[in-house]
């Protein structure tokens, strides 16, 4: 199954850090993740030098997953130029276009 995640809640950090990233790094997630979109303070999870960001960079390198921060959220937090290599900023139309043709079957909001 192909899934995409939207991270918008305050608990996103823990779920991503303790569950999803380790599972992806160990090829034990159980679903193919094709994209992740980050909103509000969750955009900080994509910054260079953060523990989750650095691990997401490894995931991106091996899995080629779309990692996108909400453009307004990233700009408001001053991190639009501090994202890990390969991550991008955008809005829902950008997300739709980027995931078009990916075969995503489930969108999960956390």
PDB file of N, CA and C in Angstrom:
ATOM      1  N   UNK A   1       0.836  -1.167   0.000  1.00  0.00           N
ATOM      2  CA  UNK A   1       0.000   0.000   0.000  1.00  0.00           C
ATOM      3  C   UNK A   1       0.889   1.242   0.000  1.00  0.00           C
ATOM      4  N   UNK A   2       0.520   2.242  -0.798  1.00  0.00           N
ATOM      5  CA  UNK A   2       1.251   3.506  -0.849  1.00  0.00           C
ATOM      6  C   UNK A   2       0.515   4.545  -0.023  1.00  0.00           C
ATOM      7  N   UNK A   3       1.249   5.208   0.872  1.00  0.00           N
ATOM      8  CA  UNK A   3       0.639   6.187   1.778  1.00  0.00           C
ATOM      9  C   UNK A   3       1.378   7.524   1.706  1.00  0.00           C
ATOM     10  N   UNK A   4       0.661   8.561   2.100  1.00  0.00           N
ATOM     11  CA  UNK A   4       1.251   9.885   2.291  1.00  0.00           C
ATOM     12  C   UNK A   4       0.825  10.356   3.670  1.00  0.00           C
ATOM     13  N   UNK A   5       1.712  11.057   4.346  1.00  0.00           N
ATOM     14  CA  UNK A   5       1.434  11.566   5.685  1.00  0.00           C
ATOM     15  C   UNK A   5       1.330  13.086   5.659  1.00  0.00           C
ATOM     16  N   UNK A   6       0.414  13.592   6.458  1.00  0.00           N
ATOM     17  CA  UNK A   6       0.313  15.024   6.726  1.00  0.00           C
ATOM     18  C   UNK A   6       0.521  15.186   8.225  1.00  0.00           C
ATOM     19  N   UNK A   7       1.559  15.942   8.586  1.00  0.00           N
ATOM     20  CA  UNK A   7       1.892  16.153   9.991  1.00  0.00           C
ATOM     21  C   UNK A   7       1.403  17.532  10.417  1.00  0.00           C
ATOM     22  N   UNK A   8       0.340  17.544  11.236  1.00  0.00           N
ATOM     23  CA  UNK A   8      -0.245  18.819  11.651  1.00  0.00           C
ATOM     24  C   UNK A   8      -0.499  18.914  13.154  1.00  0.00           C
ATOM     25  N   UNK A   9      -0.386  17.817  13.883  1.00  0.00           N
ATOM     26  CA  UNK A   9      -0.688  17.853  15.316  1.00  0.00           C
ATOM     27  C   UNK A   9       0.568  18.056  16.152  1.00  0.00           C
ATOM     28  N   UNK A  10       0.360  18.353  17.419  1.00  0.00           N
ATOM     29  CA  UNK A  10       1.478  18.541  18.346  1.00  0.00           C
ATOM     30  C   UNK A  10       2.211  17.240  18.641  1.00  0.00           C
ATOM     31  N   UNK A  11       1.565  16.111  18.420  1.00  0.00           N
ATOM     32  CA  UNK A  11       2.186  14.811  18.692  1.00  0.00           C
ATOM     33  C   UNK A  11       2.991  14.280  17.521  1.00  0.00           C
ATOM     34  N   UNK A  12       3.025  15.009  16.427  1.00  0.00           N
ATOM     35  CA  UNK A  12       3.712  14.531  15.227  1.00  0.00           C
ATOM     36  C   UNK A  12       5.173  14.207  15.472  1.00  0.00           C
ATOM     37  N   UNK A  13       5.851  15.030  16.255  1.00  0.00           N
ATOM     38  CA  UNK A  13       7.279  14.823  16.500  1.00  0.00           C
ATOM     39  C   UNK A  13       7.530  13.441  17.088  1.00  0.00           C
ATOM     40  N   UNK A  14       6.794  13.096  18.119  1.00  0.00           N
ATOM     41  CA  UNK A  14       6.992  11.811  18.791  1.00  0.00           C
ATOM     42  C   UNK A  14       6.675  10.648  17.846  1.00  0.00           C
ATOM     43  N   UNK A  15       5.590  10.748  17.120  1.00  0.00           N
ATOM     44  CA  UNK A  15       5.186   9.667  16.220  1.00  0.00           C
ATOM     45  C   UNK A  15       6.223   9.471  15.123  1.00  0.00           C
ATOM     46  N   UNK A  16       6.684  10.565  14.554  1.00  0.00           N
ATOM     47  CA  UNK A  16       7.683  10.496  13.488  1.00  0.00           C
ATOM     48  C   UNK A  16       9.018   9.990  14.026  1.00  0.00           C
ATOM     49  N   UNK A  17       9.460  10.551  15.152  1.00  0.00           N
ATOM     50  CA  UNK A  17      10.759  10.236  15.741  1.00  0.00           C
ATOM     51  C   UNK A  17      10.843   8.811  16.272  1.00  0.00           C
ATOM     52  N   UNK A  18       9.820   8.378  16.988  1.00  0.00           N
ATOM     53  CA  UNK A  18       9.872   7.081  17.676  1.00  0.00           C
ATOM     54  C   UNK A  18       9.324   5.914  16.870  1.00  0.00           C
ATOM     55  N   UNK A  19       8.480   6.208  15.882  1.00  0.00           N
ATOM     56  CA  UNK A  19       7.846   5.114  15.145  1.00  0.00           C
ATOM     57  C   UNK A  19       8.187   5.110  13.658  1.00  0.00           C
ATOM     58  N   UNK A  20       7.763   6.145  12.951  1.00  0.00           N
ATOM     59  CA  UNK A  20       7.834   6.119  11.489  1.00  0.00           C
ATOM     60  C   UNK A  20       9.266   6.124  10.968  1.00  0.00           C
ATOM     61  N   UNK A  21      10.096   7.058  11.435  1.00  0.00           N
ATOM     62  CA  UNK A  21      11.470   7.130  10.920  1.00  0.00           C
ATOM     63  C   UNK A  21      12.248   5.850  11.204  1.00  0.00           C
ATOM     64  N   UNK A  22      12.244   5.329  12.436  1.00  0.00           N
ATOM     65  CA  UNK A  22      12.976   4.073  12.653  1.00  0.00           C
ATOM     66  C   UNK A  22      12.464   2.921  11.773  1.00  0.00           C
ATOM     67  N   UNK A  23      11.162   2.844  11.600  1.00  0.00           N
ATOM     68  CA  UNK A  23      10.602   1.792  10.751  1.00  0.00           C
ATOM     69  C   UNK A  23      11.069   1.951   9.307  1.00  0.00           C
ATOM     70  N   UNK A  24      11.065   3.187   8.809  1.00  0.00           N
ATOM     71  CA  UNK A  24      11.515   3.420   7.437  1.00  0.00           C
ATOM     72  C   UNK A  24      12.997   3.102   7.275  1.00  0.00           C
ATOM     73  N   UNK A  25      13.805   3.507   8.240  1.00  0.00           N
ATOM     74  CA  UNK A  25      15.251   3.256   8.158  1.00  0.00           C
ATOM     75  C   UNK A  25      15.580   1.765   8.230  1.00  0.00           C
ATOM     76  N   UNK A  26      14.695   0.991   8.871  1.00  0.00           N
ATOM     77  CA  UNK A  26      14.916  -0.446   9.010  1.00  0.00           C
ATOM     78  C   UNK A  26      14.060  -1.274   8.057  1.00  0.00           C
ATOM     79  N   UNK A  27      13.440  -0.610   7.078  1.00  0.00           N
ATOM     80  CA  UNK A  27      12.571  -1.290   6.097  1.00  0.00           C
ATOM     81  C   UNK A  27      11.488  -2.138   6.762  1.00  0.00           C
ATOM     82  N   UNK A  28      10.887  -1.603   7.838  1.00  0.00           N
ATOM     83  CA  UNK A  28       9.858  -2.345   8.557  1.00  0.00           C
ATOM     84  C   UNK A  28       8.578  -1.533   8.744  1.00  0.00           C
ATOM     85  N   UNK A  29       8.342  -0.549   7.878  1.00  0.00           N
ATOM     86  CA  UNK A  29       7.164   0.300   8.052  1.00  0.00           C
ATOM     87  C   UNK A  29       5.877  -0.399   7.627  1.00  0.00           C
ATOM     88  N   UNK A  30       5.965  -1.275   6.652  1.00  0.00           N
ATOM     89  CA  UNK A  30       4.796  -2.040   6.238  1.00  0.00           C
ATOM     90  C   UNK A  30       4.011  -1.413   5.103  1.00  0.00           C
ATOM     91  N   UNK A  31       4.281  -0.163   4.790  1.00  0.00           N
ATOM     92  CA  UNK A  31       3.646   0.516   3.659  1.00  0.00           C
ATOM     93  C   UNK A  31       4.726   1.332   2.960  1.00  0.00           C
ATOM     94  N   UNK A  32       4.511   1.585   1.682  1.00  0.00           N
ATOM     95  CA  UNK A  32       5.435   2.435   0.934  1.00  0.00           C
ATOM     96  C   UNK A  32       5.012   3.883   1.123  1.00  0.00           C
ATOM     97  N   UNK A  33       5.858   4.671   1.721  1.00  0.00           N
ATOM     98  CA  UNK A  33       5.555   6.084   1.942  1.00  0.00           C
ATOM     99  C   UNK A  33       6.036   6.859   0.718  1.00  0.00           C
ATOM    100  N   UNK A  34       5.109   7.585   0.083  1.00  0.00           N
ATOM    101  CA  UNK A  34       5.458   8.345  -1.122  1.00  0.00           C
ATOM    102  C   UNK A  34       5.596   9.835  -0.842  1.00  0.00           C
ATOM    103  N   UNK A  35       5.063  10.298   0.290  1.00  0.00           N
ATOM    104  CA  UNK A  35       5.181  11.713   0.588  1.00  0.00           C
ATOM    105  C   UNK A  35       4.835  12.046   2.020  1.00  0.00           C
ATOM    106  N   UNK A  36       5.397  13.178   2.478  1.00  0.00           N
ATOM    107  CA  UNK A  36       5.106  13.713   3.804  1.00  0.00           C
ATOM    108  C   UNK A  36       5.001  15.223   3.681  1.00  0.00           C
ATOM    109  N   UNK A  37       3.955  15.772   4.274  1.00  0.00           N
ATOM    110  CA  UNK A  37       3.733  17.222   4.283  1.00  0.00           C
ATOM    111  C   UNK A  37       3.693  17.681   5.729  1.00  0.00           C
ATOM    112  N   UNK A  38       4.405  18.776   6.026  1.00  0.00           N
ATOM    113  CA  UNK A  38       4.567  19.261   7.397  1.00  0.00           C
ATOM    114  C   UNK A  38       3.960  20.655   7.543  1.00  0.00           C
ATOM    115  N   UNK A  39       3.174  20.843   8.604  1.00  0.00           N
ATOM    116  CA  UNK A  39       2.510  22.120   8.868  1.00  0.00           C
ATOM    117  C   UNK A  39       2.902  22.673  10.230  1.00  0.00           C
ATOM    118  N   UNK A  40       2.726  23.981  10.383  1.00  0.00           N
ATOM    119  CA  UNK A  40       2.951  24.711  11.630  1.00  0.00           C
ATOM    120  C   UNK A  40       4.354  24.395  12.171  1.00  0.00           C
ATOM    121  N   UNK A  41       4.465  24.175  13.479  1.00  0.00           N
ATOM    122  CA  UNK A  41       5.787  23.931  14.072  1.00  0.00           C
ATOM    123  C   UNK A  41       6.417  22.621  13.607  1.00  0.00           C
ATOM    124  N   UNK A  42       5.649  21.749  13.007  1.00  0.00           N
ATOM    125  CA  UNK A  42       6.210  20.502  12.479  1.00  0.00           C
ATOM    126  C   UNK A  42       7.196  20.754  11.348  1.00  0.00           C
ATOM    127  N   UNK A  43       7.161  21.945  10.753  1.00  0.00           N
ATOM    128  CA  UNK A  43       8.128  22.253   9.705  1.00  0.00           C
ATOM    129  C   UNK A  43       9.555  22.230  10.257  1.00  0.00           C
ATOM    130  N   UNK A  44       9.712  22.509  11.556  1.00  0.00           N
ATOM    131  CA  UNK A  44      11.042  22.450  12.175  1.00  0.00           C
ATOM    132  C   UNK A  44      11.650  21.049  12.087  1.00  0.00           C
ATOM    133  N   UNK A  45      10.813  20.029  11.930  1.00  0.00           N
ATOM    134  CA  UNK A  45      11.306  18.659  11.830  1.00  0.00           C
ATOM    135  C   UNK A  45      12.112  18.439  10.559  1.00  0.00           C
ATOM    136  N   UNK A  46      11.993  19.334   9.595  1.00  0.00           N
ATOM    137  CA  UNK A  46      12.715  19.211   8.327  1.00  0.00           C
ATOM    138  C   UNK A  46      13.990  20.044   8.270  1.00  0.00           C
ATOM    139  N   UNK A  47      14.390  20.649   9.386  1.00  0.00           N
ATOM    140  CA  UNK A  47      15.555  21.528   9.344  1.00  0.00           C
ATOM    141  C   UNK A  47      16.865  20.759   9.472  1.00  0.00           C
ATOM    142  N   UNK A  48      17.863  21.267   8.768  1.00  0.00           N
ATOM    143  CA  UNK A  48      19.212  20.713   8.864  1.00  0.00           C
ATOM    144  C   UNK A  48      19.699  20.833  10.298  1.00  0.00           C
ATOM    145  N   UNK A  49      20.368  19.806  10.772  1.00  0.00           N
ATOM    146  CA  UNK A  49      20.934  19.841  12.113  1.00  0.00           C
ATOM    147  C   UNK A  49      20.002  19.372  13.209  1.00  0.00           C
ATOM    148  N   UNK A  50      18.726  19.176  12.897  1.00  0.00           N
ATOM    149  CA  UNK A  50      17.815  18.636  13.912  1.00  0.00           C
ATOM    150  C   UNK A  50      17.907  17.111  13.859  1.00  0.00           C
ATOM    151  N   UNK A  51      17.675  16.462  14.981  1.00  0.00           N
ATOM    152  CA  UNK A  51      17.830  15.003  15.007  1.00  0.00           C
ATOM    153  C   UNK A  51      16.862  14.315  14.041  1.00  0.00           C
ATOM    154  N   UNK A  52      15.618  14.760  14.016  1.00  0.00           N
ATOM    155  CA  UNK A  52      14.651  14.151  13.105  1.00  0.00           C
ATOM    156  C   UNK A  52      14.982  14.531  11.666  1.00  0.00           C
ATOM    157  N   UNK A  53      15.342  15.787  11.437  1.00  0.00           N
ATOM    158  CA  UNK A  53      15.681  16.236  10.088  1.00  0.00           C
ATOM    159  C   UNK A  53      16.843  15.460   9.494  1.00  0.00           C
ATOM    160  N   UNK A  54      17.872  15.261  10.275  1.00  0.00           N
ATOM    161  CA  UNK A  54      19.033  14.523   9.782  1.00  0.00           C
ATOM    162  C   UNK A  54      18.671  13.076   9.452  1.00  0.00           C
ATOM    163  N   UNK A  55      17.815  12.491  10.250  1.00  0.00           N
ATOM    164  CA  UNK A  55      17.382  11.107   9.967  1.00  0.00           C
ATOM    165  C   UNK A  55      16.439  11.066   8.776  1.00  0.00           C
ATOM    166  N   UNK A  56      15.596  12.101   8.628  1.00  0.00           N
ATOM    167  CA  UNK A  56      14.733  12.174   7.449  1.00  0.00           C
ATOM    168  C   UNK A  56      15.564  12.342   6.175  1.00  0.00           C
ATOM    169  N   UNK A  57      16.691  13.026   6.277  1.00  0.00           N
ATOM    170  CA  UNK A  57      17.585  13.158   5.121  1.00  0.00           C
ATOM    171  C   UNK A  57      18.081  11.779   4.677  1.00  0.00           C
ATOM    172  N   UNK A  58      18.367  10.904   5.635  1.00  0.00           N
ATOM    173  CA  UNK A  58      18.788   9.539   5.308  1.00  0.00           C
ATOM    174  C   UNK A  58      17.645   8.767   4.650  1.00  0.00           C
ATOM    175  N   UNK A  59      16.434   8.965   5.167  1.00  0.00           N
ATOM    176  CA  UNK A  59      15.259   8.320   4.570  1.00  0.00           C
ATOM    177  C   UNK A  59      15.080   8.817   3.143  1.00  0.00           C
ATOM    178  N   UNK A  60      15.181  10.111   2.948  1.00  0.00           N
ATOM    179  CA  UNK A  60      15.007  10.709   1.629  1.00  0.00           C
ATOM    180  C   UNK A  60      16.037  10.161   0.649  1.00  0.00           C
ATOM    181  N   UNK A  61      17.255  10.031   1.112  1.00  0.00           N
ATOM    182  CA  UNK A  61      18.332   9.532   0.261  1.00  0.00           C
ATOM    183  C   UNK A  61      18.068   8.112  -0.217  1.00  0.00           C
ATOM    184  N   UNK A  62      17.548   7.264   0.666  1.00  0.00           N
ATOM    185  CA  UNK A  62      17.345   5.869   0.299  1.00  0.00           C
ATOM    186  C   UNK A  62      15.970   5.569  -0.290  1.00  0.00           C
ATOM    187  N   UNK A  63      14.965   6.337   0.088  1.00  0.00           N
ATOM    188  CA  UNK A  63      13.600   6.013  -0.324  1.00  0.00           C
ATOM    189  C   UNK A  63      13.002   6.974  -1.352  1.00  0.00           C
ATOM    190  N   UNK A  64      13.616   8.119  -1.563  1.00  0.00           N
ATOM    191  CA  UNK A  64      13.119   9.119  -2.518  1.00  0.00           C
ATOM    192  C   UNK A  64      11.679   9.538  -2.219  1.00  0.00           C
ATOM    193  N   UNK A  65      11.385   9.807  -0.965  1.00  0.00           N
ATOM    194  CA  UNK A  65      10.061  10.242  -0.507  1.00  0.00           C
ATOM    195  C   UNK A  65       9.949  11.758  -0.659  1.00  0.00           C
ATOM    196  N   UNK A  66       8.816  12.234  -1.083  1.00  0.00           N
ATOM    197  CA  UNK A  66       8.565  13.671  -1.132  1.00  0.00           C
ATOM    198  C   UNK A  66       8.464  14.197   0.298  1.00  0.00           C
ATOM    199  N   UNK A  67       9.288  15.183   0.626  1.00  0.00           N
ATOM    200  CA  UNK A  67       9.236  15.846   1.925  1.00  0.00           C
ATOM    201  C   UNK A  67       8.967  17.322   1.662  1.00  0.00           C
ATOM    202  N   UNK A  68       7.790  17.802   2.076  1.00  0.00           N
ATOM    203  CA  UNK A  68       7.378  19.166   1.785  1.00  0.00           C
ATOM    204  C   UNK A  68       6.904  19.867   3.047  1.00  0.00           C
ATOM    205  N   UNK A  69       7.411  21.079   3.244  1.00  0.00           N
ATOM    206  CA  UNK A  69       6.959  21.931   4.343  1.00  0.00           C
ATOM    207  C   UNK A  69       5.973  22.938   3.774  1.00  0.00           C
ATOM    208  N   UNK A  70       4.940  23.236   4.522  1.00  0.00           N
ATOM    209  CA  UNK A  70       4.004  24.289   4.135  1.00  0.00           C
ATOM    210  C   UNK A  70       4.810  25.566   3.910  1.00  0.00           C
ATOM    211  N   UNK A  71       4.639  26.177   2.759  1.00  0.00           N
ATOM    212  CA  UNK A  71       5.441  27.357   2.436  1.00  0.00           C
ATOM    213  C   UNK A  71       5.221  28.497   3.416  1.00  0.00           C
ATOM    214  N   UNK A  72       3.991  28.805   3.742  1.00  0.00           N
ATOM    215  CA  UNK A  72       3.705  29.901   4.667  1.00  0.00           C
ATOM    216  C   UNK A  72       4.245  29.577   6.056  1.00  0.00           C
ATOM    217  N   UNK A  73       4.056  28.353   6.496  1.00  0.00           N
ATOM    218  CA  UNK A  73       4.540  27.938   7.822  1.00  0.00           C
ATOM    219  C   UNK A  73       6.059  28.060   7.911  1.00  0.00           C
ATOM    220  N   UNK A  74       6.764  27.608   6.877  1.00  0.00           N
ATOM    221  CA  UNK A  74       8.228  27.665   6.880  1.00  0.00           C
ATOM    222  C   UNK A  74       8.732  29.102   6.817  1.00  0.00           C
ATOM    223  N   UNK A  75       8.102  29.910   5.994  1.00  0.00           N
ATOM    224  CA  UNK A  75       8.518  31.309   5.861  1.00  0.00           C
ATOM    225  C   UNK A  75       8.269  32.063   7.161  1.00  0.00           C
ATOM    226  N   UNK A  76       7.098  31.864   7.767  1.00  0.00           N
ATOM    227  CA  UNK A  76       6.781  32.539   9.039  1.00  0.00           C
ATOM    228  C   UNK A  76       7.764  32.163  10.141  1.00  0.00           C
ATOM    229  N   UNK A  77       8.319  30.959  10.084  1.00  0.00           N
ATOM    230  CA  UNK A  77       9.254  30.490  11.117  1.00  0.00           C
ATOM    231  C   UNK A  77      10.713  30.753  10.745  1.00  0.00           C
ATOM    232  N   UNK A  78      10.923  31.334   9.573  1.00  0.00           N
ATOM    233  CA  UNK A  78      12.271  31.683   9.146  1.00  0.00           C
ATOM    234  C   UNK A  78      13.151  30.500   8.803  1.00  0.00           C
ATOM    235  N   UNK A  79      12.528  29.398   8.373  1.00  0.00           N
ATOM    236  CA  UNK A  79      13.322  28.199   8.086  1.00  0.00           C
ATOM    237  C   UNK A  79      13.236  27.774   6.627  1.00  0.00           C
ATOM    238  N   UNK A  80      12.650  28.590   5.785  1.00  0.00           N
ATOM    239  CA  UNK A  80      12.477  28.205   4.391  1.00  0.00           C
ATOM    240  C   UNK A  80      13.803  27.927   3.681  1.00  0.00           C
ATOM    241  N   UNK A  81      14.896  28.483   4.170  1.00  0.00           N
ATOM    242  CA  UNK A  81      16.208  28.232   3.576  1.00  0.00           C
ATOM    243  C   UNK A  81      17.076  27.334   4.466  1.00  0.00           C
ATOM    244  N   UNK A  82      16.471  26.675   5.445  1.00  0.00           N
ATOM    245  CA  UNK A  82      17.220  25.831   6.386  1.00  0.00           C
ATOM    246  C   UNK A  82      16.783  24.366   6.342  1.00  0.00           C
ATOM    247  N   UNK A  83      16.018  24.003   5.314  1.00  0.00           N
ATOM    248  CA  UNK A  83      15.512  22.639   5.217  1.00  0.00           C
ATOM    249  C   UNK A  83      16.605  21.687   4.762  1.00  0.00           C
ATOM    250  N   UNK A  84      16.446  20.425   5.123  1.00  0.00           N
ATOM    251  CA  UNK A  84      17.391  19.399   4.689  1.00  0.00           C
ATOM    252  C   UNK A  84      17.415  19.357   3.166  1.00  0.00           C
ATOM    253  N   UNK A  85      18.539  18.943   2.622  1.00  0.00           N
ATOM    254  CA  UNK A  85      18.666  18.837   1.171  1.00  0.00           C
ATOM    255  C   UNK A  85      17.621  17.879   0.623  1.00  0.00           C
ATOM    256  N   UNK A  86      16.947  18.314  -0.421  1.00  0.00           N
ATOM    257  CA  UNK A  86      15.924  17.490  -1.059  1.00  0.00           C
ATOM    258  C   UNK A  86      14.517  17.782  -0.595  1.00  0.00           C
ATOM    259  N   UNK A  87      14.369  18.418   0.573  1.00  0.00           N
ATOM    260  CA  UNK A  87      13.037  18.818   1.033  1.00  0.00           C
ATOM    261  C   UNK A  87      12.662  20.105   0.313  1.00  0.00           C
ATOM    262  N   UNK A  88      11.366  20.341   0.206  1.00  0.00           N
ATOM    263  CA  UNK A  88      10.904  21.533  -0.492  1.00  0.00           C
ATOM    264  C   UNK A  88       9.786  22.202   0.297  1.00  0.00           C
ATOM    265  N   UNK A  89       9.419  23.398  -0.151  1.00  0.00           N
ATOM    266  CA  UNK A  89       8.263  24.063   0.443  1.00  0.00           C
ATOM    267  C   UNK A  89       7.196  24.190  -0.632  1.00  0.00           C
ATOM    268  N   UNK A  90       5.939  24.245  -0.186  1.00  0.00           N
ATOM    269  CA  UNK A  90       4.843  24.368  -1.130  1.00  0.00           C
ATOM    270  C   UNK A  90       3.520  24.424  -0.404  1.00  0.00           C
ATOM    271  N   UNK A  91       2.476  24.446  -1.197  1.00  0.00           N
ATOM    272  CA  UNK A  91       1.107  24.483  -0.680  1.00  0.00           C
ATOM    273  C   UNK A  91       0.361  23.278  -1.256  1.00  0.00           C
ATOM    274  N   UNK A  92      -0.895  23.131  -0.899  1.00  0.00           N
ATOM    275  CA  UNK A  92      -1.638  21.952  -1.347  1.00  0.00           C
ATOM    276  C   UNK A  92      -1.581  21.734  -2.860  1.00  0.00           C
ATOM    277  N   UNK A  93      -1.722  22.766  -3.701  1.00  0.00           N
ATOM    278  CA  UNK A  93      -1.613  22.497  -5.144  1.00  0.00           C
ATOM    279  C   UNK A  93      -0.266  21.881  -5.526  1.00  0.00           C
ATOM    280  N   UNK A  94       0.805  22.305  -4.849  1.00  0.00           N
ATOM    281  CA  UNK A  94       2.128  21.733  -5.109  1.00  0.00           C
ATOM    282  C   UNK A  94       2.183  20.274  -4.659  1.00  0.00           C
ATOM    283  N   UNK A  95       1.572  19.997  -3.519  1.00  0.00           N
ATOM    284  CA  UNK A  95       1.530  18.627  -3.008  1.00  0.00           C
ATOM    285  C   UNK A  95       0.769  17.724  -3.974  1.00  0.00           C
ATOM    286  N   UNK A  96      -0.391  18.185  -4.432  1.00  0.00           N
ATOM    287  CA  UNK A  96      -1.183  17.380  -5.368  1.00  0.00           C
ATOM    288  C   UNK A  96      -0.392  17.071  -6.629  1.00  0.00           C
ATOM    289  N   UNK A  97       0.260  18.093  -7.166  1.00  0.00           N
ATOM    290  CA  UNK A  97       1.040  17.907  -8.393  1.00  0.00           C
ATOM    291  C   UNK A  97       2.207  16.951  -8.165  1.00  0.00           C
ATOM    292  N   UNK A  98       2.902  17.106  -7.041  1.00  0.00           N
ATOM    293  CA  UNK A  98       4.055  16.261  -6.746  1.00  0.00           C
ATOM    294  C   UNK A  98       3.666  14.798  -6.546  1.00  0.00           C
ATOM    295  N   UNK A  99       2.475  14.561  -6.003  1.00  0.00           N
ATOM    296  CA  UNK A  99       2.039  13.184  -5.745  1.00  0.00           C
ATOM    297  C   UNK A  99       1.247  12.577  -6.902  1.00  0.00           C
ATOM    298  N   UNK A 100       0.938  13.396  -7.886  1.00  0.00           N
ATOM    299  CA  UNK A 100       0.191  12.909  -9.046  1.00  0.00           C
ATOM    300  C   UNK A 100       0.951  11.764  -9.712  1.00  0.00           C
ATOM    301  N   UNK A 101       0.272  10.704  -9.939  1.00  0.00           N
ATOM    302  CA  UNK A 101       0.896   9.554 -10.578  1.00  0.00           C
ATOM    303  C   UNK A 101       1.691   8.658  -9.627  1.00  0.00           C
ATOM    304  N   UNK A 102       1.725   8.986  -8.357  1.00  0.00           N
ATOM    305  CA  UNK A 102       2.488   8.177  -7.389  1.00  0.00           C
ATOM    306  C   UNK A 102       1.740   6.924  -6.974  1.00  0.00           C
ATOM    307  N   UNK A 103       0.430   6.911  -7.215  1.00  0.00           N
ATOM    308  CA  UNK A 103      -0.365   5.756  -6.815  1.00  0.00           C
ATOM    309  C   UNK A 103      -0.734   5.756  -5.342  1.00  0.00           C
ATOM    310  N   UNK A 104      -0.668   6.921  -4.686  1.00  0.00           N
ATOM    311  CA  UNK A 104      -0.998   6.982  -3.261  1.00  0.00           C
ATOM    312  C   UNK A 104      -2.422   6.452  -3.047  1.00  0.00           C
ATOM    313  N   UNK A 105      -2.555   5.561  -2.061  1.00  0.00           N
ATOM    314  CA  UNK A 105      -3.841   4.938  -1.772  1.00  0.00           C
ATOM    315  C   UNK A 105      -4.464   5.434  -0.479  1.00  0.00           C
ATOM    316  N   UNK A 106      -3.650   5.976   0.405  1.00  0.00           N
ATOM    317  CA  UNK A 106      -4.134   6.397   1.718  1.00  0.00           C
ATOM    318  C   UNK A 106      -3.380   7.656   2.150  1.00  0.00           C
ATOM    319  N   UNK A 107      -4.121   8.644   2.625  1.00  0.00           N
ATOM    320  CA  UNK A 107      -3.513   9.845   3.208  1.00  0.00           C
ATOM    321  C   UNK A 107      -3.817   9.814   4.687  1.00  0.00           C
ATOM    322  N   UNK A 108      -2.773   9.899   5.497  1.00  0.00           N
ATOM    323  CA  UNK A 108      -2.911   9.788   6.945  1.00  0.00           C
ATOM    324  C   UNK A 108      -2.484  11.109   7.571  1.00  0.00           C
ATOM    325  N   UNK A 109      -3.375  11.687   8.374  1.00  0.00           N
ATOM    326  CA  UNK A 109      -3.071  12.941   9.045  1.00  0.00           C
ATOM    327  C   UNK A 109      -2.751  12.660  10.495  1.00  0.00           C
ATOM    328  N   UNK A 110      -1.595  13.124  10.916  1.00  0.00           N
ATOM    329  CA  UNK A 110      -1.141  12.944  12.300  1.00  0.00           C
ATOM    330  C   UNK A 110      -0.876  14.300  12.914  1.00  0.00           C
TER     331      UNK A 110
END
